[in-house]
Amino acid sequence: MDLGISGRTAIVCASSKGLGRGCAMALAEAGCIVVINGRDAATLEATASEIRAATGAKVLSVVADVSTRAGQDALLAAAPEPDILVNNNGGPPPKPFRDVTREALLEGVVQNMATPLELVQRVIDGMVSRRFGRIVNITSMSVLTPLTGLDVSSAARAGLTAFLAGVAREVAHANVTINNVLPGMFDTDRLKGSTAKMAAIKGLTLEEMAALRKAEVPAGRFGHAEEFGNVCAFLASEHAGYITGQNLLIDGGVFRGSF
């Protein structure tokens, strides 16, 4: 399917690897000019080279921490008038809620709520004036269902979701959409890290722990960044203009709910 966004400019935050990389690859395949971002220059440039080689797309790499004003300035200097913004940022590590300090709570809010909101504020008026804009926020299935130890991440991402629910309706008239994609367990470095920690706690091998976690997924496997990216690209497409203010859960069936 032609997504109708060839030649559009997309900013994909935290996209040197994992789900962000999957989104950047899919948007490049759709013909977008893609600005990718990460904090490790070597990893970021390797990803940019791989995406260019695979798609022939124009890929700009920006080494920056998007949670800082300077980092956001660098992204927008590379793409002053983006048509597509994919908000993504790492969440705080798992921690028992009794151990969460005020500092950790505030940092989680900065990373997973304030930062994407700041970027939305900076790009949305241009999108409205050009009568096209697609904003996709990568949040988490923990917005819908509690995951032990991820209380800070869940709260911050839920706050982002609630904040933008009203904004999405304010800008829909201008063909600007805001949607959230909620990943479950995807085969990324973050999942591998959490699985290793769980294995150590339970006295299991990494392979044994991974098998137990896969058994929780009705699909019988972890998700792939590529398939996540394709969903993101569709939400960024011209065909998705009538979808806004929605939370799309991609978890292989883990969340057991009818609605």
C-alpha atoms as a PDB file:
ATOM      1  CA  MET A   1       0.000   0.000   0.000  1.00  0.00           C
ATOM      2  CA  ASP A   2       1.200   3.493  -0.874  1.00  0.00           C
ATOM      3  CA  LEU A   3       0.979   5.393   2.403  1.00  0.00           C
ATOM      4  CA  GLY A   4       0.886   8.737   0.633  1.00  0.00           C
ATOM      5  CA  ILE A   5       3.682  10.288   2.673  1.00  0.00           C
ATOM      6  CA  SER A   6       6.604  10.080   0.258  1.00  0.00           C
ATOM      7  CA  GLY A   7       8.588  13.289   0.563  1.00  0.00           C
ATOM      8  CA  ARG A   8       7.184  14.117   3.992  1.00  0.00           C
ATOM      9  CA  THR A   9       9.626  14.884   6.806  1.00  0.00           C
ATOM     10  CA  ALA A  10       9.534  12.768   9.956  1.00  0.00           C
ATOM     11  CA  ILE A  11      11.297  13.184  13.289  1.00  0.00           C
ATOM     12  CA  VAL A  12      11.640   9.940  15.225  1.00  0.00           C
ATOM     13  CA  CYS A  13      12.957  10.367  18.764  1.00  0.00           C
ATOM     14  CA  ALA A  14      15.183   7.750  20.409  1.00  0.00           C
ATOM     15  CA  SER A  15      15.499   5.829  17.158  1.00  0.00           C
ATOM     16  CA  SER A  16      19.029   4.439  17.073  1.00  0.00           C
ATOM     17  CA  LYS A  17      17.638   1.039  18.087  1.00  0.00           C
ATOM     18  CA  GLY A  18      14.552  -0.781  19.284  1.00  0.00           C
ATOM     19  CA  LEU A  19      11.029   0.373  18.540  1.00  0.00           C
ATOM     20  CA  GLY A  20      12.149   3.843  17.481  1.00  0.00           C
ATOM     21  CA  ARG A  21      14.453   2.309  14.897  1.00  0.00           C
ATOM     22  CA  GLY A  22      11.597   0.160  13.630  1.00  0.00           C
ATOM     23  CA  CYS A  23       9.475   3.273  13.148  1.00  0.00           C
ATOM     24  CA  ALA A  24      12.279   5.138  11.391  1.00  0.00           C
ATOM     25  CA  MET A  25      12.856   2.236   9.010  1.00  0.00           C
ATOM     26  CA  ALA A  26       9.167   1.949   8.129  1.00  0.00           C
ATOM     27  CA  LEU A  27       8.834   5.686   7.501  1.00  0.00           C
ATOM     28  CA  ALA A  28      11.947   5.637   5.320  1.00  0.00           C
ATOM     29  CA  GLU A  29      10.465   2.728   3.349  1.00  0.00           C
ATOM     30  CA  ALA A  30       7.371   4.880   2.832  1.00  0.00           C
ATOM     31  CA  GLY A  31       9.558   7.540   1.222  1.00  0.00           C
ATOM     32  CA  CYS A  32       9.890   9.981   4.093  1.00  0.00           C
ATOM     33  CA  ILE A  33      12.903  12.113   4.871  1.00  0.00           C
ATOM     34  CA  VAL A  34      13.715  10.816   8.337  1.00  0.00           C
ATOM     35  CA  VAL A  35      15.515  12.508  11.222  1.00  0.00           C
ATOM     36  CA  ILE A  36      16.720   9.905  13.684  1.00  0.00           C
ATOM     37  CA  ASN A  37      17.999  10.570  17.163  1.00  0.00           C
ATOM     38  CA  GLY A  38      20.036   8.987  19.925  1.00  0.00           C
ATOM     39  CA  ARG A  39      22.725   9.787  22.454  1.00  0.00           C
ATOM     40  CA  ASP A  40      25.436   7.434  21.203  1.00  0.00           C
ATOM     41  CA  ALA A  41      26.960   8.811  18.016  1.00  0.00           C
ATOM     42  CA  ALA A  42      28.422   5.534  16.763  1.00  0.00           C
ATOM     43  CA  THR A  43      25.215   3.558  17.216  1.00  0.00           C
ATOM     44  CA  LEU A  44      23.153   6.342  15.678  1.00  0.00           C
ATOM     45  CA  GLU A  45      25.328   6.657  12.581  1.00  0.00           C
ATOM     46  CA  ALA A  46      25.371   2.889  12.092  1.00  0.00           C
ATOM     47  CA  THR A  47      21.560   2.902  12.166  1.00  0.00           C
ATOM     48  CA  ALA A  48      21.398   5.831   9.741  1.00  0.00           C
ATOM     49  CA  SER A  49      23.690   3.996   7.325  1.00  0.00           C
ATOM     50  CA  GLU A  50      21.607   0.820   7.561  1.00  0.00           C
ATOM     51  CA  ILE A  51      18.359   2.666   6.881  1.00  0.00           C
ATOM     52  CA  ARG A  52      19.879   4.545   3.935  1.00  0.00           C
ATOM     53  CA  ALA A  53      21.245   1.335   2.445  1.00  0.00           C
ATOM     54  CA  ALA A  54      17.955  -0.533   2.894  1.00  0.00           C
ATOM     55  CA  THR A  55      15.612   2.179   1.631  1.00  0.00           C
ATOM     56  CA  GLY A  56      17.547   4.783  -0.334  1.00  0.00           C
ATOM     57  CA  ALA A  57      15.871   7.428   1.829  1.00  0.00           C
ATOM     58  CA  LYS A  58      17.440  10.633   3.066  1.00  0.00           C
ATOM     59  CA  VAL A  59      18.283  10.071   6.721  1.00  0.00           C
ATOM     60  CA  LEU A  60      19.624  12.765   9.035  1.00  0.00           C
ATOM     61  CA  SER A  61      21.099  11.775  12.389  1.00  0.00           C
ATOM     62  CA  VAL A  62      21.019  14.077  15.397  1.00  0.00           C
ATOM     63  CA  VAL A  63      22.997  13.160  18.492  1.00  0.00           C
ATOM     64  CA  ALA A  64      21.004  14.665  21.333  1.00  0.00           C
ATOM     65  CA  ASP A  65      19.145  14.102  24.571  1.00  0.00           C
ATOM     66  CA  VAL A  66      15.572  15.054  23.624  1.00  0.00           C
ATOM     67  CA  SER A  67      14.655  15.690  27.247  1.00  0.00           C
ATOM     68  CA  THR A  68      16.783  18.863  27.136  1.00  0.00           C
ATOM     69  CA  ARG A  69      15.993  22.133  25.399  1.00  0.00           C
ATOM     70  CA  ALA A  70      19.298  21.932  23.529  1.00  0.00           C
ATOM     71  CA  GLY A  71      18.448  18.461  22.283  1.00  0.00           C
ATOM     72  CA  GLN A  72      15.037  19.562  21.068  1.00  0.00           C
ATOM     73  CA  ASP A  73      16.602  22.592  19.378  1.00  0.00           C
ATOM     74  CA  ALA A  74      19.001  20.285  17.527  1.00  0.00           C
ATOM     75  CA  LEU A  75      16.170  18.088  16.267  1.00  0.00           C
ATOM     76  CA  LEU A  76      14.177  21.052  15.023  1.00  0.00           C
ATOM     77  CA  ALA A  77      17.238  22.625  13.440  1.00  0.00           C
ATOM     78  CA  ALA A  78      17.539  19.473  11.320  1.00  0.00           C
ATOM     79  CA  ALA A  79      13.806  19.524  10.489  1.00  0.00           C
ATOM     80  CA  PRO A  80      12.222  22.920  11.194  1.00  0.00           C
ATOM     81  CA  GLU A  81       8.849  21.957   9.676  1.00  0.00           C
ATOM     82  CA  PRO A  82       8.250  18.264  10.359  1.00  0.00           C
ATOM     83  CA  ASP A  83       5.101  16.636   9.007  1.00  0.00           C
ATOM     84  CA  ILE A  84       5.419  13.646  11.331  1.00  0.00           C
ATOM     85  CA  LEU A  85       6.625  13.436  14.922  1.00  0.00           C
ATOM     86  CA  VAL A  86       7.177  10.117  16.666  1.00  0.00           C
ATOM     87  CA  ASN A  87       7.687  10.672  20.379  1.00  0.00           C
ATOM     88  CA  ASN A  88       9.743   7.998  22.072  1.00  0.00           C
ATOM     89  CA  ASN A  89      11.941   7.932  25.140  1.00  0.00           C
ATOM     90  CA  GLY A  90      13.247   5.330  27.514  1.00  0.00           C
ATOM     91  CA  GLY A  91      11.370   4.793  30.757  1.00  0.00           C
ATOM     92  CA  PRO A  92      12.771   4.560  34.271  1.00  0.00           C
ATOM     93  CA  PRO A  93      14.030   1.150  35.418  1.00  0.00           C
ATOM     94  CA  PRO A  94      11.657  -1.097  37.382  1.00  0.00           C
ATOM     95  CA  LYS A  95      11.545  -0.273  41.079  1.00  0.00           C
ATOM     96  CA  PRO A  96       9.262  -1.132  44.021  1.00  0.00           C
ATOM     97  CA  PHE A  97       6.908   1.793  44.580  1.00  0.00           C
ATOM     98  CA  ARG A  98       8.095   2.226  48.183  1.00  0.00           C
ATOM     99  CA  ASP A  99      11.586   2.960  46.870  1.00  0.00           C
ATOM    100  CA  VAL A 100      10.496   5.701  44.465  1.00  0.00           C
ATOM    101  CA  THR A 101      11.940   9.036  45.562  1.00  0.00           C
ATOM    102  CA  ARG A 102      10.599  12.464  44.696  1.00  0.00           C
ATOM    103  CA  GLU A 103      13.605  12.945  42.418  1.00  0.00           C
ATOM    104  CA  ALA A 104      12.914   9.688  40.563  1.00  0.00           C
ATOM    105  CA  LEU A 105       9.255  10.588  40.198  1.00  0.00           C
ATOM    106  CA  LEU A 106      10.020  14.012  38.768  1.00  0.00           C
ATOM    107  CA  GLU A 107      12.620  12.574  36.393  1.00  0.00           C
ATOM    108  CA  GLY A 108      10.096  10.044  35.113  1.00  0.00           C
ATOM    109  CA  VAL A 109       7.585  12.811  34.455  1.00  0.00           C
ATOM    110  CA  VAL A 110      10.222  14.834  32.600  1.00  0.00           C
ATOM    111  CA  GLN A 111      11.251  11.921  30.399  1.00  0.00           C
ATOM    112  CA  ASN A 112       7.870  10.374  29.629  1.00  0.00           C
ATOM    113  CA  MET A 113       5.399  13.239  29.880  1.00  0.00           C
ATOM    114  CA  ALA A 114       6.975  16.700  29.762  1.00  0.00           C
ATOM    115  CA  THR A 115       9.464  15.960  26.971  1.00  0.00           C
ATOM    116  CA  PRO A 116       6.944  14.685  24.398  1.00  0.00           C
ATOM    117  CA  LEU A 117       4.534  17.472  25.342  1.00  0.00           C
ATOM    118  CA  GLU A 118       7.237  20.089  24.760  1.00  0.00           C
ATOM    119  CA  LEU A 119       7.941  18.665  21.309  1.00  0.00           C
ATOM    120  CA  VAL A 120       4.250  18.600  20.448  1.00  0.00           C
ATOM    121  CA  GLN A 121       3.957  22.252  21.481  1.00  0.00           C
ATOM    122  CA  ARG A 122       6.838  23.185  19.204  1.00  0.00           C
ATOM    123  CA  VAL A 123       5.618  21.454  16.039  1.00  0.00           C
ATOM    124  CA  ILE A 124       1.838  21.458  16.176  1.00  0.00           C
ATOM    125  CA  ASP A 125       1.080  25.007  15.012  1.00  0.00           C
ATOM    126  CA  GLY A 126       3.150  24.487  11.879  1.00  0.00           C
ATOM    127  CA  MET A 127       1.294  21.266  11.175  1.00  0.00           C
ATOM    128  CA  VAL A 128      -2.037  23.041  11.586  1.00  0.00           C
ATOM    129  CA  SER A 129      -1.023  25.853   9.235  1.00  0.00           C
ATOM    130  CA  ARG A 130       0.134  23.343   6.591  1.00  0.00           C
ATOM    131  CA  ARG A 131      -3.041  21.273   7.057  1.00  0.00           C
ATOM    132  CA  PHE A 132      -1.171  18.038   7.623  1.00  0.00           C
ATOM    133  CA  GLY A 133       0.387  16.542  10.715  1.00  0.00           C
ATOM    134  CA  ARG A 134       0.787  13.151  12.312  1.00  0.00           C
ATOM    135  CA  ILE A 135       1.945  12.754  15.912  1.00  0.00           C
ATOM    136  CA  VAL A 136       2.502   9.248  17.230  1.00  0.00           C
ATOM    137  CA  ASN A 137       3.480   8.728  20.866  1.00  0.00           C
ATOM    138  CA  ILE A 138       5.079   5.437  21.865  1.00  0.00           C
ATOM    139  CA  THR A 139       3.794   4.800  25.373  1.00  0.00           C
ATOM    140  CA  SER A 140       3.255   1.359  26.963  1.00  0.00           C
ATOM    141  CA  MET A 141       0.644  -1.274  27.675  1.00  0.00           C
ATOM    142  CA  SER A 142       1.158  -0.255  31.311  1.00  0.00           C
ATOM    143  CA  VAL A 143      -1.080   2.741  30.577  1.00  0.00           C
ATOM    144  CA  LEU A 144      -3.964   0.261  30.437  1.00  0.00           C
ATOM    145  CA  THR A 145      -2.908  -2.408  32.889  1.00  0.00           C
ATOM    146  CA  PRO A 146      -0.566  -2.207  35.895  1.00  0.00           C
ATOM    147  CA  LEU A 147       2.874  -3.755  35.547  1.00  0.00           C
ATOM    148  CA  THR A 148       4.670  -4.325  38.835  1.00  0.00           C
ATOM    149  CA  GLY A 149       7.626  -2.000  39.311  1.00  0.00           C
ATOM    150  CA  LEU A 150       6.730   0.320  36.430  1.00  0.00           C
ATOM    151  CA  ASP A 151       4.602   2.695  38.475  1.00  0.00           C
ATOM    152  CA  VAL A 152       6.536   5.858  37.573  1.00  0.00           C
ATOM    153  CA  SER A 153       6.601   5.061  33.861  1.00  0.00           C
ATOM    154  CA  SER A 154       2.926   4.095  33.886  1.00  0.00           C
ATOM    155  CA  ALA A 155       1.877   7.270  35.664  1.00  0.00           C
ATOM    156  CA  ALA A 156       3.893   9.599  33.426  1.00  0.00           C
ATOM    157  CA  ARG A 157       2.715   7.952  30.216  1.00  0.00           C
ATOM    158  CA  ALA A 158      -0.884   7.935  31.434  1.00  0.00           C
ATOM    159  CA  GLY A 159      -0.515  11.653  32.138  1.00  0.00           C
ATOM    160  CA  LEU A 160       0.735  12.223  28.587  1.00  0.00           C
ATOM    161  CA  THR A 161      -2.217  10.264  27.232  1.00  0.00           C
ATOM    162  CA  ALA A 162      -4.754  12.266  29.218  1.00  0.00           C
ATOM    163  CA  PHE A 163      -3.143  15.608  28.402  1.00  0.00           C
ATOM    164  CA  LEU A 164      -3.144  15.010  24.647  1.00  0.00           C
ATOM    165  CA  ALA A 165      -6.629  13.498  24.474  1.00  0.00           C
ATOM    166  CA  GLY A 166      -8.169  16.958  24.438  1.00  0.00           C
ATOM    167  CA  VAL A 167      -5.453  18.458  22.221  1.00  0.00           C
ATOM    168  CA  ALA A 168      -6.117  15.783  19.591  1.00  0.00           C
ATOM    169  CA  ARG A 169      -9.700  16.993  19.264  1.00  0.00           C
ATOM    170  CA  GLU A 170      -8.625  20.633  19.022  1.00  0.00           C
ATOM    171  CA  VAL A 171      -6.443  20.091  15.953  1.00  0.00           C
ATOM    172  CA  ALA A 172      -8.328  17.330  14.123  1.00  0.00           C
ATOM    173  CA  HIS A 173     -10.084  19.888  11.890  1.00  0.00           C
ATOM    174  CA  ALA A 174      -6.715  20.734  10.311  1.00  0.00           C
ATOM    175  CA  ASN A 175      -5.886  17.138   9.324  1.00  0.00           C
ATOM    176  CA  VAL A 176      -3.536  16.851  12.284  1.00  0.00           C
ATOM    177  CA  THR A 177      -3.844  13.650  14.292  1.00  0.00           C
ATOM    178  CA  ILE A 178      -2.416  12.550  17.630  1.00  0.00           C
ATOM    179  CA  ASN A 179      -2.414   8.881  18.540  1.00  0.00           C
ATOM    180  CA  ASN A 180      -0.623   6.605  21.001  1.00  0.00           C
ATOM    181  CA  VAL A 181       0.821   3.172  20.321  1.00  0.00           C
ATOM    182  CA  LEU A 182       1.090   0.935  23.386  1.00  0.00           C
ATOM    183  CA  PRO A 183       3.683  -1.835  23.035  1.00  0.00           C
ATOM    184  CA  GLY A 184       3.671  -5.022  25.041  1.00  0.00           C
ATOM    185  CA  MET A 185       6.704  -7.312  25.048  1.00  0.00           C
ATOM    186  CA  PHE A 186       8.884  -6.646  22.023  1.00  0.00           C
ATOM    187  CA  ASP A 187      12.241  -8.233  21.277  1.00  0.00           C
ATOM    188  CA  THR A 188      14.387  -5.213  22.111  1.00  0.00           C
ATOM    189  CA  ASP A 189      17.450  -4.538  24.254  1.00  0.00           C
ATOM    190  CA  ARG A 190      15.176  -3.167  26.977  1.00  0.00           C
ATOM    191  CA  LEU A 191      13.224  -6.429  27.121  1.00  0.00           C
ATOM    192  CA  LYS A 192      16.425  -8.462  27.166  1.00  0.00           C
ATOM    193  CA  GLY A 193      17.709  -6.371  30.073  1.00  0.00           C
ATOM    194  CA  SER A 194      14.557  -6.754  32.141  1.00  0.00           C
ATOM    195  CA  THR A 195      14.437 -10.481  31.384  1.00  0.00           C
ATOM    196  CA  ALA A 196      18.021 -10.883  32.561  1.00  0.00           C
ATOM    197  CA  LYS A 197      17.216  -9.098  35.836  1.00  0.00           C
ATOM    198  CA  MET A 198      14.181 -11.286  36.384  1.00  0.00           C
ATOM    199  CA  ALA A 199      16.218 -14.413  35.629  1.00  0.00           C
ATOM    200  CA  ALA A 200      18.829 -13.432  38.207  1.00  0.00           C
ATOM    201  CA  ILE A 201      16.177 -12.815  40.853  1.00  0.00           C
ATOM    202  CA  LYS A 202      14.487 -16.160  40.215  1.00  0.00           C
ATOM    203  CA  GLY A 203      17.699 -18.151  39.788  1.00  0.00           C
ATOM    204  CA  LEU A 204      16.908 -19.088  36.197  1.00  0.00           C
ATOM    205  CA  THR A 205      18.868 -18.941  32.992  1.00  0.00           C
ATOM    206  CA  LEU A 206      18.111 -16.158  30.525  1.00  0.00           C
ATOM    207  CA  GLU A 207      16.632 -18.711  28.135  1.00  0.00           C
ATOM    208  CA  GLU A 208      14.352 -20.165  30.817  1.00  0.00           C
ATOM    209  CA  MET A 209      13.103 -16.741  31.847  1.00  0.00           C
ATOM    210  CA  ALA A 210      12.504 -15.702  28.246  1.00  0.00           C
ATOM    211  CA  ALA A 211      10.474 -18.874  27.673  1.00  0.00           C
ATOM    212  CA  LEU A 212       8.328 -18.122  30.718  1.00  0.00           C
ATOM    213  CA  ARG A 213       7.665 -14.600  29.525  1.00  0.00           C
ATOM    214  CA  LYS A 214       6.766 -15.777  26.029  1.00  0.00           C
ATOM    215  CA  ALA A 215       4.324 -18.224  27.585  1.00  0.00           C
ATOM    216  CA  GLU A 216       2.398 -15.210  28.929  1.00  0.00           C
ATOM    217  CA  VAL A 217       1.745 -14.026  25.369  1.00  0.00           C
ATOM    218  CA  PRO A 218      -1.178 -15.660  23.554  1.00  0.00           C
ATOM    219  CA  ALA A 219       0.651 -15.087  20.256  1.00  0.00           C
ATOM    220  CA  GLY A 220       3.437 -17.312  21.624  1.00  0.00           C
ATOM    221  CA  ARG A 221       6.255 -14.922  20.816  1.00  0.00           C
ATOM    222  CA  PHE A 222       7.706 -11.499  21.437  1.00  0.00           C
ATOM    223  CA  GLY A 223       6.886  -8.732  18.991  1.00  0.00           C
ATOM    224  CA  HIS A 224       9.307  -7.482  16.350  1.00  0.00           C
ATOM    225  CA  ALA A 225      10.345  -3.861  15.982  1.00  0.00           C
ATOM    226  CA  GLU A 226       9.623  -4.063  12.254  1.00  0.00           C
ATOM    227  CA  GLU A 227       5.949  -4.870  12.727  1.00  0.00           C
ATOM    228  CA  PHE A 228       5.636  -2.142  15.337  1.00  0.00           C
ATOM    229  CA  GLY A 229       7.194   0.300  12.883  1.00  0.00           C
ATOM    230  CA  ASN A 230       4.701  -0.615  10.182  1.00  0.00           C
ATOM    231  CA  VAL A 231       1.806   0.230  12.510  1.00  0.00           C
ATOM    232  CA  CYS A 232       3.440   3.552  13.327  1.00  0.00           C
ATOM    233  CA  ALA A 233       3.909   4.317   9.626  1.00  0.00           C
ATOM    234  CA  PHE A 234       0.254   3.604   8.906  1.00  0.00           C
ATOM    235  CA  LEU A 235      -0.851   6.005  11.647  1.00  0.00           C
ATOM    236  CA  ALA A 236       1.446   8.577  10.046  1.00  0.00           C
ATOM    237  CA  SER A 237      -0.036   7.993   6.604  1.00  0.00           C
ATOM    238  CA  GLU A 238      -2.585   9.979   4.644  1.00  0.00           C
ATOM    239  CA  HIS A 239      -5.008   7.067   5.104  1.00  0.00           C
ATOM    240  CA  ALA A 240      -5.154   7.545   8.881  1.00  0.00           C
ATOM    241  CA  GLY A 241      -6.561  11.058   8.891  1.00  0.00           C
ATOM    242  CA  TYR A 242      -9.806   9.913  10.528  1.00  0.00           C
ATOM    243  CA  ILE A 243      -8.024   8.217  13.438  1.00  0.00           C
ATOM    244  CA  THR A 244      -7.148  10.517  16.304  1.00  0.00           C
ATOM    245  CA  GLY A 245      -7.010  10.503  20.082  1.00  0.00           C
ATOM    246  CA  GLN A 246      -6.719   6.719  20.131  1.00  0.00           C
ATOM    247  CA  ASN A 247      -4.634   4.205  22.081  1.00  0.00           C
ATOM    248  CA  LEU A 248      -3.573   1.275  19.919  1.00  0.00           C
ATOM    249  CA  LEU A 249      -2.421  -1.686  21.989  1.00  0.00           C
ATOM    250  CA  ILE A 250       0.073  -4.039  20.323  1.00  0.00           C
ATOM    251  CA  ASP A 251       0.833  -6.835  22.759  1.00  0.00           C
ATOM    252  CA  GLY A 252       0.105 -10.187  21.121  1.00  0.00           C
ATOM    253  CA  GLY A 253      -3.050 -10.528  23.213  1.00  0.00           C
ATOM    254  CA  VAL A 254      -1.541 -10.182  26.696  1.00  0.00           C
ATOM    255  CA  PHE A 255      -4.088  -7.655  27.905  1.00  0.00           C
ATOM    256  CA  ARG A 256      -7.264  -9.617  28.538  1.00  0.00           C
ATOM    257  CA  GLY A 257     -10.104  -7.222  27.961  1.00  0.00           C
ATOM    258  CA  SER A 258     -13.071  -7.100  25.633  1.00  0.00           C
ATOM    259  CA  PHE A 259     -13.012  -3.315  25.272  1.00  0.00           C
END
